[in-house]
Amino acid sequence: MRQLVNDVKQFLVSEDGPTAVEYAVMLALIVVVCLTSISTIGTRANTTFTTVSGKLGGTSS
């Protein structure tokens, strides 16, 4: 475990500033895409369940 911590520290120290900023921007873009996808999937699933519930004669709350 100590070796892993040392390797991570060495990796972070060896990276220069612009590269770290690029990684941060890429990570932010990935997070935005993931959140958007999850939101879209959730909305579509909700619509599907509501439609099926309506066709089965269920009541929605």
Protein backbone atom coordinates (compact mmCIF):
# COMPACT_ATOMS: atom_id res chain seq x y z
CA MET A 1 0.00 0.00 0.00
CA ARG A 2 2.83 2.34 0.84
CA GLN A 3 4.36 1.69 -2.58
CA LEU A 4 1.09 2.64 -4.28
CA VAL A 5 0.92 5.91 -2.33
CA ASN A 6 4.52 6.69 -3.25
CA ASP A 7 3.82 5.92 -6.93
CA VAL A 8 0.80 8.23 -6.95
CA LYS A 9 2.78 11.01 -5.27
CA GLN A 10 5.61 10.61 -7.78
CA PHE A 11 3.13 10.70 -10.68
CA LEU A 12 1.49 13.87 -9.41
CA VAL A 13 4.82 15.59 -8.77
CA SER A 14 6.24 14.65 -12.17
CA GLU A 15 3.29 16.13 -14.08
CA ASP A 16 3.61 19.74 -15.14
CA GLY A 17 0.89 22.35 -14.61
CA PRO A 18 -0.67 22.48 -18.09
CA THR A 19 -1.00 18.70 -18.23
CA ALA A 20 -2.75 18.65 -14.86
CA VAL A 21 -5.15 21.35 -16.11
CA GLU A 22 -5.87 19.30 -19.24
CA TYR A 23 -6.68 16.29 -17.09
CA ALA A 24 -9.00 18.39 -14.94
CA VAL A 25 -10.83 19.72 -18.01
CA MET A 26 -11.20 16.21 -19.44
CA LEU A 27 -12.53 14.95 -16.12
CA ALA A 28 -15.03 17.81 -15.95
CA LEU A 29 -16.26 17.04 -19.47
CA ILE A 30 -16.63 13.34 -18.64
CA VAL A 31 -18.64 14.20 -15.51
CA VAL A 32 -20.95 16.50 -17.49
CA VAL A 33 -21.55 13.84 -20.14
CA CYS A 34 -22.25 11.20 -17.48
CA LEU A 35 -24.70 13.42 -15.58
CA THR A 36 -26.51 14.38 -18.78
CA SER A 37 -26.77 10.74 -19.85
CA ILE A 38 -28.05 9.61 -16.46
CA SER A 39 -30.63 12.39 -16.42
CA THR A 40 -31.85 11.53 -19.92
CA ILE A 41 -32.08 7.83 -19.15
CA GLY A 42 -33.98 8.55 -15.94
CA THR A 43 -36.46 10.80 -17.72
CA ARG A 44 -37.06 8.26 -20.47
CA ALA A 45 -37.47 5.43 -17.96
CA ASN A 46 -39.98 7.50 -15.99
CA THR A 47 -41.94 8.23 -19.16
CA THR A 48 -41.93 4.55 -20.11
CA PHE A 49 -43.13 3.42 -16.68
CA THR A 50 -45.83 6.09 -16.66
CA THR A 51 -47.05 4.99 -20.10
CA VAL A 52 -47.11 1.32 -19.14
CA SER A 53 -48.88 2.12 -15.87
CA GLY A 54 -51.53 4.10 -17.76
CA LYS A 55 -52.12 1.27 -20.23
CA LEU A 56 -52.45 -1.24 -17.39
CA GLY A 57 -55.07 0.96 -15.74
CA GLY A 58 -52.88 1.92 -12.79
CA THR A 59 -53.14 5.24 -11.08
CA SER A 60 -50.20 7.58 -10.89
CA SER A 61 -49.38 9.47 -7.75
